[in-house]
N, C-alpha and C. Protein backbone atom coordinates (compact mmCIF):
# COMPACT_ATOMS: atom_id res chain seq x y z
N UNK A 1 -6.55 -4.98 -4.37
CA UNK A 1 -6.81 -3.90 -3.77
C UNK A 1 -8.17 -3.87 -2.75
N UNK A 2 -8.11 -5.83 -2.55
CA UNK A 2 -9.38 -5.29 -1.62
C UNK A 2 -8.97 -5.28 0.03
N UNK A 3 -10.00 -5.93 0.62
CA UNK A 3 -10.48 -5.38 2.36
C UNK A 3 -11.65 -6.43 2.91
N UNK A 4 -11.33 -7.75 3.49
CA UNK A 4 -12.29 -8.14 3.99
C UNK A 4 -11.49 -8.75 5.83
N UNK A 5 -12.32 -9.02 6.28
CA UNK A 5 -11.74 -9.54 7.87
C UNK A 5 -12.61 -11.19 7.96
N UNK A 6 -14.15 -10.90 7.37
CA UNK A 6 -14.07 -12.31 7.35
C UNK A 6 -13.48 -13.32 7.10
N UNK A 7 -13.56 -14.01 7.73
CA UNK A 7 -12.84 -15.79 6.58
C UNK A 7 -12.17 -15.28 6.28
N UNK A 8 -10.92 -14.46 6.98
CA UNK A 8 -9.38 -14.50 6.57
C UNK A 8 -8.61 -14.66 7.57
N UNK A 9 -7.70 -15.26 6.65
CA UNK A 9 -6.77 -16.44 7.52
C UNK A 9 -5.34 -15.17 7.21
N UNK A 10 -4.53 -14.28 8.84
CA UNK A 10 -3.80 -12.84 8.23
C UNK A 10 -2.73 -14.23 8.17
N UNK A 11 -1.75 -13.89 7.23
CA UNK A 11 -0.04 -14.23 6.84
C UNK A 11 0.59 -13.91 7.87
N UNK A 12 1.39 -14.11 7.83
CA UNK A 12 2.57 -14.59 9.26
C UNK A 12 3.03 -13.29 8.88
N UNK A 13 3.74 -12.36 10.31
CA UNK A 13 4.21 -11.10 9.76
C UNK A 13 5.19 -11.29 9.11
N UNK A 14 5.93 -11.98 8.53
CA UNK A 14 6.56 -12.14 7.18
C UNK A 14 6.82 -11.50 5.99
N UNK A 15 5.28 -11.80 5.83
CA UNK A 15 4.56 -11.69 4.29
C UNK A 15 3.90 -10.31 4.57
N UNK A 16 3.52 -9.48 5.77
CA UNK A 16 3.38 -8.25 5.28
C UNK A 16 4.29 -7.37 4.80
N UNK A 17 3.71 -5.87 4.21
CA UNK A 17 4.47 -5.63 3.38
C UNK A 17 3.76 -3.79 3.28
N UNK A 18 4.31 -2.90 4.02
CA UNK A 18 4.21 -1.36 4.21
C UNK A 18 4.77 -1.10 2.49
N UNK A 19 3.72 0.35 2.89
CA UNK A 19 3.87 0.84 1.53
C UNK A 19 3.00 2.02 1.49
N UNK A 20 3.79 3.07 0.69
CA UNK A 20 2.97 4.50 0.88
C UNK A 20 1.97 3.87 -0.21
N UNK A 21 0.25 4.56 0.05
CA UNK A 21 -0.73 4.33 -0.59
C UNK A 21 -1.09 5.75 -2.35
N UNK A 22 -1.45 5.04 -3.15
CA UNK A 22 -2.08 6.06 -3.47
C UNK A 22 -3.28 6.04 -3.71
N UNK A 23 -3.73 6.78 -4.86
CA UNK A 23 -5.25 6.83 -5.21
C UNK A 23 -6.71 4.92 -5.13
N UNK A 24 -5.26 4.77 -5.88
CA UNK A 24 -6.17 3.41 -6.39
C UNK A 24 -6.10 2.89 -4.78
N UNK A 25 -5.73 2.55 -3.85
CA UNK A 25 -6.23 1.63 -2.50
C UNK A 25 -7.87 2.40 -1.78
N UNK A 26 -8.17 4.02 -2.22
CA UNK A 26 -9.11 4.69 -1.32
C UNK A 26 -9.84 3.70 -0.99
N UNK A 27 -10.49 2.89 -1.53
CA UNK A 27 -11.88 2.53 -1.39
C UNK A 27 -11.78 1.16 -0.30
N UNK A 28 -10.30 0.12 -0.22
CA UNK A 28 -10.04 -0.39 0.61
C UNK A 28 -9.11 0.50 2.09
N UNK A 29 -9.23 1.64 2.34
CA UNK A 29 -9.00 2.55 3.15
C UNK A 29 -10.30 2.46 4.06
N UNK A 30 -11.46 3.06 2.96
CA UNK A 30 -12.59 3.58 3.32
C UNK A 30 -13.39 2.20 3.87
N UNK A 31 -13.37 0.78 3.10
CA UNK A 31 -13.47 0.06 3.76
C UNK A 31 -12.98 -0.20 5.50
N UNK A 32 -12.30 -0.21 5.59
CA UNK A 32 -11.31 -0.61 6.96
C UNK A 32 -11.67 0.62 7.63
N UNK A 33 -12.10 1.65 6.75
CA UNK A 33 -12.19 2.84 8.13
C UNK A 33 -13.55 3.10 8.66
N UNK A 34 -14.70 2.50 8.00
CA UNK A 34 -15.79 2.45 8.42
C UNK A 34 -16.32 1.21 9.74
N UNK A 35 -15.66 0.59 9.17
CA UNK A 35 -15.98 -1.10 10.20
C UNK A 35 -14.73 0.21 11.73
N UNK A 36 -14.19 0.50 11.46
CA UNK A 36 -13.05 1.42 13.07
C UNK A 36 -13.96 2.11 13.26
N UNK A 37 -13.98 3.44 12.53
CA UNK A 37 -14.55 4.36 13.33
C UNK A 37 -16.03 4.61 12.52
N UNK A 38 -15.98 5.60 14.45
CA UNK A 38 -17.85 5.92 14.06
C UNK A 38 -18.17 7.12 13.20
N UNK A 39 -17.01 8.55 13.01
CA UNK A 39 -17.20 8.91 11.69
C UNK A 39 -15.88 8.71 11.06
N UNK A 40 -16.11 8.98 9.53
CA UNK A 40 -14.83 9.19 9.06
C UNK A 40 -14.81 9.78 7.75
N UNK A 41 -14.14 10.24 7.10
CA UNK A 41 -13.97 10.66 6.07
C UNK A 41 -14.29 10.61 4.34
N UNK A 42 -14.21 10.89 3.71
CA UNK A 42 -14.67 10.88 1.86
C UNK A 42 -13.54 10.50 1.36
N UNK A 43 -13.95 9.73 0.31
CA UNK A 43 -13.82 9.64 -1.04
C UNK A 43 -12.82 10.64 -1.05
N UNK A 44 -13.71 11.56 -1.44
CA UNK A 44 -13.45 12.92 -1.99
C UNK A 44 -12.25 13.73 -1.48
N UNK A 45 -13.07 13.71 -0.44
CA UNK A 45 -11.74 14.69 0.88
C UNK A 45 -10.04 13.50 0.82
N UNK A 46 -10.41 12.21 1.05
CA UNK A 46 -8.61 11.42 0.23
C UNK A 46 -8.22 12.12 -0.87
N UNK A 47 -9.22 11.55 -1.50
CA UNK A 47 -8.35 11.76 -3.23
C UNK A 47 -7.72 14.14 -3.23
N UNK A 48 -8.38 14.84 -3.10
CA UNK A 48 -7.95 15.58 -3.31
C UNK A 48 -6.69 16.12 -2.27
N UNK A 49 -6.64 15.76 -1.16
CA UNK A 49 -5.80 16.02 -0.14
C UNK A 49 -4.34 14.72 -0.80
N UNK A 50 -4.61 14.07 -1.37
CA UNK A 50 -3.26 13.11 -1.74
C UNK A 50 -2.78 13.41 -3.20
N UNK A 51 -4.34 14.05 -3.70
CA UNK A 51 -4.00 14.58 -5.29
C UNK A 51 -2.51 16.60 -5.23
N UNK A 52 -3.23 16.83 -4.13
CA UNK A 52 -2.82 18.02 -4.13
C UNK A 52 -1.46 18.25 -3.06
N UNK A 53 -1.00 16.89 -2.53
CA UNK A 53 0.12 16.75 -2.08
C UNK A 53 0.45 16.91 -1.04
N UNK A 54 -0.76 17.04 -0.41
CA UNK A 54 -0.68 17.02 1.53
C UNK A 54 -1.43 16.23 2.48
N UNK A 55 -1.24 14.63 1.53
CA UNK A 55 -1.64 13.91 2.54
C UNK A 55 -1.00 12.67 1.70
N UNK A 56 -0.28 12.10 2.93
CA UNK A 56 0.15 10.49 2.90
C UNK A 56 -0.67 9.43 3.51
N UNK A 57 -0.68 8.38 3.07
CA UNK A 57 -1.54 6.89 3.15
C UNK A 57 -0.36 5.67 3.05
N UNK A 58 0.01 5.48 4.37
CA UNK A 58 0.73 4.22 4.69
C UNK A 58 -0.41 3.03 4.73
N UNK A 59 -0.13 1.98 3.97
CA UNK A 59 -1.15 0.84 4.39
C UNK A 59 0.28 -0.09 4.97
N UNK A 60 -0.26 -1.54 5.73
CA UNK A 60 0.10 -2.51 5.65
C UNK A 60 -0.90 -3.78 4.57
N UNK A 61 -0.08 -4.52 3.60
CA UNK A 61 -0.84 -5.59 2.91
C UNK A 61 0.23 -6.34 3.19
N UNK A 62 -0.94 -7.52 3.17
CA UNK A 62 -0.61 -9.29 3.02
C UNK A 62 -1.28 -9.32 1.56
N UNK A 63 0.15 -9.57 1.09
CA UNK A 63 -0.69 -9.39 -0.54
C UNK A 63 -1.50 -8.71 -0.96
N UNK A 64 -2.93 -8.67 -1.89
CA UNK A 64 -2.98 -7.71 -1.93
C UNK A 64 -4.81 -7.10 -0.85
N UNK A 65 -4.70 -8.00 0.32
CA UNK A 65 -5.28 -6.82 1.14
C UNK A 65 -4.79 -6.51 2.18
N UNK A 66 -5.50 -5.29 1.88
CA UNK A 66 -5.28 -3.99 2.83
C UNK A 66 -5.65 -4.26 4.91
N UNK A 67 -4.82 -4.54 5.24
CA UNK A 67 -4.57 -4.80 6.93
C UNK A 67 -4.98 -3.61 7.77
N UNK A 68 -4.10 -2.47 7.84
CA UNK A 68 -4.23 -1.74 7.96
C UNK A 68 -3.67 -0.21 7.42
N UNK A 69 -3.98 0.96 7.80
CA UNK A 69 -3.86 1.95 7.44
C UNK A 69 -3.48 3.21 8.36
N UNK A 70 -2.35 4.46 7.85
CA UNK A 70 -3.03 5.85 9.03
C UNK A 70 -2.63 5.99 7.87
N UNK A 71 -2.97 7.53 7.91
CA UNK A 71 -3.00 9.14 7.32
C UNK A 71 -2.52 9.56 7.81
N UNK A 72 -2.12 10.30 7.21
CA UNK A 72 -1.12 12.03 7.53
C UNK A 72 -1.22 13.03 6.56
N UNK A 73 -1.72 14.67 7.87
CA UNK A 73 -1.33 16.05 6.64
C UNK A 73 -0.37 16.50 6.75
N UNK A 74 -0.13 16.42 5.67
CA UNK A 74 1.85 17.19 5.41
C UNK A 74 1.43 18.48 5.00
N UNK A 75 1.96 19.36 6.42
CA UNK A 75 2.52 21.25 6.23
C UNK A 75 3.56 21.33 6.07
N UNK A 76 4.06 21.91 5.41
CA UNK A 76 5.01 22.16 5.16
C UNK A 76 5.46 23.52 5.10
N UNK A 77 4.81 24.72 5.25
CA UNK A 77 4.79 25.37 6.27
C UNK A 77 5.29 25.61 7.07
N UNK A 78 4.50 24.97 8.05
CA UNK A 78 4.44 24.64 9.65
C UNK A 78 5.78 23.84 10.20
N UNK A 79 5.82 22.75 8.70
CA UNK A 79 6.98 21.48 9.25
C UNK A 79 6.42 20.96 10.19
N UNK A 80 5.44 20.47 9.52
CA UNK A 80 4.64 19.70 10.75
C UNK A 80 3.66 17.63 10.05
N UNK A 81 4.20 16.93 10.77
CA UNK A 81 3.27 15.70 10.06
C UNK A 81 1.93 15.84 10.76
N UNK A 82 0.59 15.76 10.55
CA UNK A 82 -1.00 15.81 11.61
C UNK A 82 -0.76 14.44 11.64
N UNK A 83 -1.23 13.18 12.12
CA UNK A 83 -1.56 12.28 12.25
C UNK A 83 -2.63 11.32 11.95
N UNK A 84 -3.68 10.99 10.98
CA UNK A 84 -5.21 11.96 11.19
C UNK A 84 -5.69 11.02 11.93
N UNK A 85 -4.93 9.23 11.00
CA UNK A 85 -6.12 7.95 11.57
C UNK A 85 -4.75 6.97 11.20
N UNK A 86 -5.39 6.14 12.42
CA UNK A 86 -4.53 4.73 12.46
C UNK A 86 -5.34 3.72 12.49
N UNK A 87 -5.99 3.24 11.56
CA UNK A 87 -6.92 2.36 12.18
C UNK A 87 -6.05 0.89 11.37
N UNK A 88 -5.92 -0.05 12.31
CA UNK A 88 -5.82 -1.98 12.18
C UNK A 88 -6.35 -2.58 12.05
N UNK A 89 -6.93 -3.37 11.71
CA UNK A 89 -8.30 -4.81 11.55
C UNK A 89 -8.35 -5.23 12.68
N UNK A 90 -9.16 -5.88 13.20
CA UNK A 90 -9.34 -5.70 14.28
C UNK A 90 -9.05 -6.93 14.80
N UNK A 91 -8.72 -8.53 13.67
CA UNK A 91 -8.42 -9.37 14.46
C UNK A 91 -7.06 -9.99 14.44
N UNK A 92 -6.46 -8.24 13.93
CA UNK A 92 -5.03 -8.50 14.01
C UNK A 92 -4.29 -7.38 14.60
N UNK A 93 -5.43 -6.86 15.69
CA UNK A 93 -4.35 -5.15 16.35
C UNK A 93 -3.53 -6.23 18.15
N UNK A 94 -2.46 -5.03 17.81
CA UNK A 94 -1.48 -6.00 18.60
C UNK A 94 -0.16 -7.36 17.92
N UNK A 95 -0.07 -6.67 16.80
CA UNK A 95 0.69 -7.91 16.38
C UNK A 95 1.97 -6.14 15.63
N UNK A 96 2.00 -5.56 15.91
CA UNK A 96 2.94 -4.56 15.53
C UNK A 96 2.65 -3.93 14.24
N UNK A 97 1.50 -4.17 14.02
CA UNK A 97 1.24 -2.93 12.22
C UNK A 97 0.78 -1.75 12.31
N UNK A 98 0.63 -1.22 13.77
CA UNK A 98 0.60 0.54 14.14
C UNK A 98 2.28 1.01 14.38
N UNK A 99 3.05 0.47 14.99
CA UNK A 99 4.20 0.50 15.07
C UNK A 99 5.21 0.43 13.74
N UNK A 100 4.33 -0.48 12.50
CA UNK A 100 5.09 -0.39 11.64
C UNK A 100 4.82 0.84 10.52
N UNK A 101 3.17 1.26 10.76
CA UNK A 101 2.68 2.22 10.41
C UNK A 101 3.48 3.65 10.71
N UNK A 102 3.69 3.53 12.39
CA UNK A 102 4.74 4.96 12.56
C UNK A 102 5.62 5.36 12.22
N UNK A 103 6.19 3.31 11.89
CA UNK A 103 7.59 4.24 11.78
C UNK A 103 7.79 5.17 10.35
N UNK A 104 6.99 4.38 9.32
CA UNK A 104 7.12 4.38 7.95
C UNK A 104 7.25 6.41 7.94
N UNK A 105 5.72 6.54 8.65
CA UNK A 105 5.48 8.17 9.14
C UNK A 105 6.49 8.72 9.21
N UNK A 106 7.31 8.14 10.32
CA UNK A 106 9.01 8.95 10.94
C UNK A 106 9.45 9.19 10.05
N UNK A 107 9.40 8.27 8.90
CA UNK A 107 10.71 8.05 8.35
C UNK A 107 10.83 9.33 6.86
N UNK A 108 8.99 9.42 6.67
CA UNK A 108 8.35 9.73 5.40
C UNK A 108 9.07 11.73 6.07
N UNK A 109 8.12 12.06 7.53
CA UNK A 109 8.05 13.11 7.84
C UNK A 109 10.10 13.35 8.10
N UNK A 110 10.90 12.85 8.97
CA UNK A 110 11.94 12.79 8.46
C UNK A 110 12.74 13.52 7.47
N UNK A 111 12.57 12.93 6.10
CA UNK A 111 13.27 13.12 4.80
C UNK A 111 12.55 14.20 4.71
N UNK A 112 11.42 14.85 5.12
CA UNK A 112 10.85 15.89 4.08
C UNK A 112 12.00 17.38 4.96
N UNK A 113 11.94 16.85 6.17
CA UNK A 113 12.81 18.01 7.06
C UNK A 113 11.60 18.42 8.12
N UNK A 114 10.83 17.92 8.33
CA UNK A 114 9.51 18.17 9.24
C UNK A 114 9.97 17.94 10.28
N UNK A 115 9.50 19.27 11.92
CA UNK A 115 10.13 19.39 12.86
C UNK A 115 9.51 18.56 14.03
N UNK A 116 7.85 18.42 13.44
CA UNK A 116 7.21 17.65 14.61
C UNK A 116 6.23 17.07 13.60
N UNK A 117 5.40 16.21 14.97
CA UNK A 117 4.09 15.27 14.87
C UNK A 117 3.37 15.84 15.84
N UNK A 118 1.89 16.07 15.02
CA UNK A 118 0.77 16.14 15.93
C UNK A 118 -0.44 15.29 16.05
N UNK A 119 -1.17 14.91 17.15
CA UNK A 119 -2.49 14.05 16.85
C UNK A 119 -3.40 14.06 17.93
N UNK A 120 -4.21 13.66 17.75
CA UNK A 120 -5.83 13.86 18.88
C UNK A 120 -6.34 13.05 18.60
N UNK A 121 -6.52 11.53 19.91
CA UNK A 121 -6.99 10.44 19.95
C UNK A 121 -7.65 10.32 21.37
N UNK A 122 -8.64 9.74 21.33
CA UNK A 122 -9.78 9.67 22.49
C UNK A 122 -8.56 9.47 23.34
N UNK A 123 -9.83 9.80 24.59
CA UNK A 123 -9.39 9.43 25.30
C UNK A 123 -8.81 8.40 26.41
N UNK A 124 -10.20 7.36 25.95
CA UNK A 124 -9.87 6.31 26.74
C UNK A 124 -9.31 4.85 25.90
N UNK A 125 -9.36 5.53 24.41
CA UNK A 125 -8.17 4.85 23.55
C UNK A 125 -7.29 4.65 24.04
N UNK A 126 -6.37 3.78 24.97
CA UNK A 126 -5.51 2.91 25.87
C UNK A 126 -4.38 3.00 24.72
N UNK A 127 -4.53 1.58 24.12
CA UNK A 127 -3.98 0.64 23.15
C UNK A 127 -3.31 1.74 22.24
N UNK A 128 -4.02 3.14 21.78
CA UNK A 128 -3.38 3.97 20.90
C UNK A 128 -2.01 4.83 22.02
N UNK A 129 -3.70 5.41 23.35
CA UNK A 129 -1.72 6.34 23.71
C UNK A 129 -0.63 5.71 24.02
N UNK A 130 -0.71 4.50 24.86
CA UNK A 130 -0.12 3.51 24.55
C UNK A 130 1.42 3.22 23.50
N UNK A 131 1.03 3.28 22.23
CA UNK A 131 1.78 3.39 21.20
C UNK A 131 2.17 4.57 21.05
N UNK A 132 1.35 5.15 20.71
CA UNK A 132 1.51 7.33 21.40
C UNK A 132 3.09 7.52 21.62
N UNK A 133 2.73 7.06 23.54
CA UNK A 133 4.03 7.11 24.46
C UNK A 133 4.93 6.03 23.77
N UNK A 134 4.80 5.34 23.14
CA UNK A 134 5.94 4.34 22.81
C UNK A 134 6.85 5.00 22.52
N UNK A 135 6.76 6.10 21.16
CA UNK A 135 6.89 5.86 19.77
C UNK A 135 7.77 7.67 20.19
N UNK A 136 6.87 8.01 22.12
CA UNK A 136 7.72 9.77 22.16
C UNK A 136 6.70 10.60 22.37
N UNK A 137 5.54 10.43 21.66
CA UNK A 137 4.64 11.52 21.78
C UNK A 137 4.32 11.96 23.23
N UNK A 138 4.10 13.42 23.68
CA UNK A 138 3.91 13.56 24.73
C UNK A 138 2.17 14.28 24.54
N UNK A 139 1.68 14.58 25.44
CA UNK A 139 0.38 14.45 25.73
C UNK A 139 0.53 16.70 26.12
N UNK A 140 -0.35 17.47 25.12
CA UNK A 140 -0.20 18.58 25.07
C UNK A 140 -1.23 19.40 25.08
N UNK A 141 -2.65 19.28 25.48
CA UNK A 141 -3.61 19.26 25.74
C UNK A 141 -4.94 19.03 25.62
N UNK A 142 -5.95 19.34 25.35
CA UNK A 142 -7.18 17.76 25.60
C UNK A 142 -8.70 19.23 24.93
N UNK A 143 -8.79 18.48 24.09
CA UNK A 143 -10.26 18.96 24.17
C UNK A 143 -11.21 18.17 24.29
N UNK A 144 -12.62 19.05 25.19
CA UNK A 144 -13.73 18.57 25.57
C UNK A 144 -14.79 18.18 24.70
N UNK A 145 -15.17 16.74 25.16
CA UNK A 145 -15.95 16.43 24.55
C UNK A 145 -16.28 16.55 22.55
N UNK A 146 -14.84 16.01 22.66
CA UNK A 146 -14.60 16.22 20.39
C UNK A 146 -15.10 15.50 19.84
N UNK A 147 -15.51 14.65 20.09
CA UNK A 147 -15.69 13.43 19.56
C UNK A 147 -16.90 12.97 19.49
N UNK A 148 -17.99 12.19 19.25
CA UNK A 148 -18.98 12.09 19.28
C UNK A 148 -19.35 10.39 18.30
N UNK A 149 -20.16 10.14 19.64
CA UNK A 149 -20.62 8.32 18.65
C UNK A 149 -19.57 7.83 19.44
N UNK A 150 -18.93 7.60 20.84
CA UNK A 150 -19.98 8.20 22.02
C UNK A 150 -18.60 9.65 21.94
N UNK A 151 -19.71 11.01 22.93
CA UNK A 151 -18.83 11.74 23.17
C UNK A 151 -17.76 11.53 24.42
N UNK A 152 -16.66 11.96 23.80
CA UNK A 152 -15.61 11.51 24.40
C UNK A 152 -14.77 12.97 23.85
N UNK A 153 -13.64 13.27 25.09
CA UNK A 153 -13.29 13.83 25.46
C UNK A 153 -11.83 13.66 24.16
N UNK A 154 -10.91 14.50 23.56
CA UNK A 154 -9.93 14.08 22.49
C UNK A 154 -8.51 14.61 23.35
N UNK A 155 -7.54 14.04 23.51
CA UNK A 155 -6.20 14.27 24.09
C UNK A 155 -5.34 14.72 23.34
N UNK A 156 -4.53 15.96 22.92
CA UNK A 156 -3.94 16.33 22.27
C UNK A 156 -1.77 15.81 22.59
N UNK A 157 -1.83 15.56 21.40
CA UNK A 157 -0.34 15.23 21.78
C UNK A 157 0.82 15.24 20.39
N UNK A 158 1.65 15.39 20.85
CA UNK A 158 3.19 16.71 20.13
C UNK A 158 4.20 15.24 20.47
N UNK A 159 5.20 15.50 19.01
CA UNK A 159 6.25 14.85 18.95
C UNK A 159 7.42 16.10 18.33
N UNK A 160 8.04 15.96 19.10
CA UNK A 160 9.01 17.01 18.41
C UNK A 160 10.46 15.90 17.81
N UNK A 161 10.62 15.99 15.74
CA UNK A 161 11.62 15.02 15.56
C UNK A 161 13.50 16.11 16.22
N UNK A 162 13.61 17.62 16.14
CA UNK A 162 14.77 17.17 16.15
C UNK A 162 14.98 17.21 18.59
N UNK A 163 14.45 17.43 18.72
CA UNK A 163 13.85 16.74 20.41
C UNK A 163 13.71 15.23 20.87
N UNK A 164 14.17 14.56 20.08
CA UNK A 164 14.27 13.11 19.89
C UNK A 164 15.32 12.70 19.78
N UNK A 165 16.06 13.60 18.87
CA UNK A 165 17.11 12.93 17.79
C UNK A 165 18.47 13.71 18.83
N UNK A 166 18.16 14.38 19.90
CA UNK A 166 18.86 15.20 21.16
C UNK A 166 18.66 14.19 22.29
N UNK A 167 17.66 13.88 22.92
CA UNK A 167 17.46 12.51 23.78
C UNK A 167 16.76 13.87 24.65
N UNK A 168 16.72 14.58 24.34
CA UNK A 168 15.65 15.78 25.37
C UNK A 168 14.25 15.34 25.36
N UNK A 169 13.45 15.24 26.19
CA UNK A 169 11.70 14.88 26.38
C UNK A 169 11.20 15.86 27.37
N UNK A 170 9.87 15.90 27.18
CA UNK A 170 9.72 17.00 27.72
C UNK A 170 7.97 16.75 27.29
N UNK A 171 7.51 18.64 27.48
CA UNK A 171 5.83 18.94 26.82
C UNK A 171 6.45 20.06 26.20
N UNK A 172 5.47 19.74 25.20
CA UNK A 172 5.35 20.79 24.06
C UNK A 172 4.41 21.76 23.73
N UNK A 173 4.16 22.37 23.36
CA UNK A 173 3.13 23.20 23.23
C UNK A 173 2.29 23.05 21.77
N UNK A 174 1.20 22.45 21.58
CA UNK A 174 0.34 21.80 20.28
C UNK A 174 0.09 23.92 19.65
């Protein structure tokens, strides 16, 4: 349950394991979050959401080392998955870890019968926006000056599971 980037030699791709994480991994999640994001959630916020059954966190582990994670809030009433954070250790980016996490979240959402996924992303985060586009997310809104440190717009995205299964595409309303 440790997280370390310095002097870490990553395992081969076949050595990665994607699994749902519980509260025992929150320290490692927060360590990675503090390195990646300018603002972050608290341990108490994550723990409360997990205990309440409203949050899922998937992690990519190399042995016991957390290499990447994705956190999402589940709204059963709205039949919606809100992707909150996806963080991949800097030296391991562009190696498919984000894709693996998205697949795990989509599988969980479909098992729960959710109808759509939503997220927001910094307008300048081209890598993340490219990943979401590959998964079929469509832009559906903009929040001006939403992010701080640095100030940046947030682009809102939506994915409809039912449309994906029928092959339909298009812009949805957020």
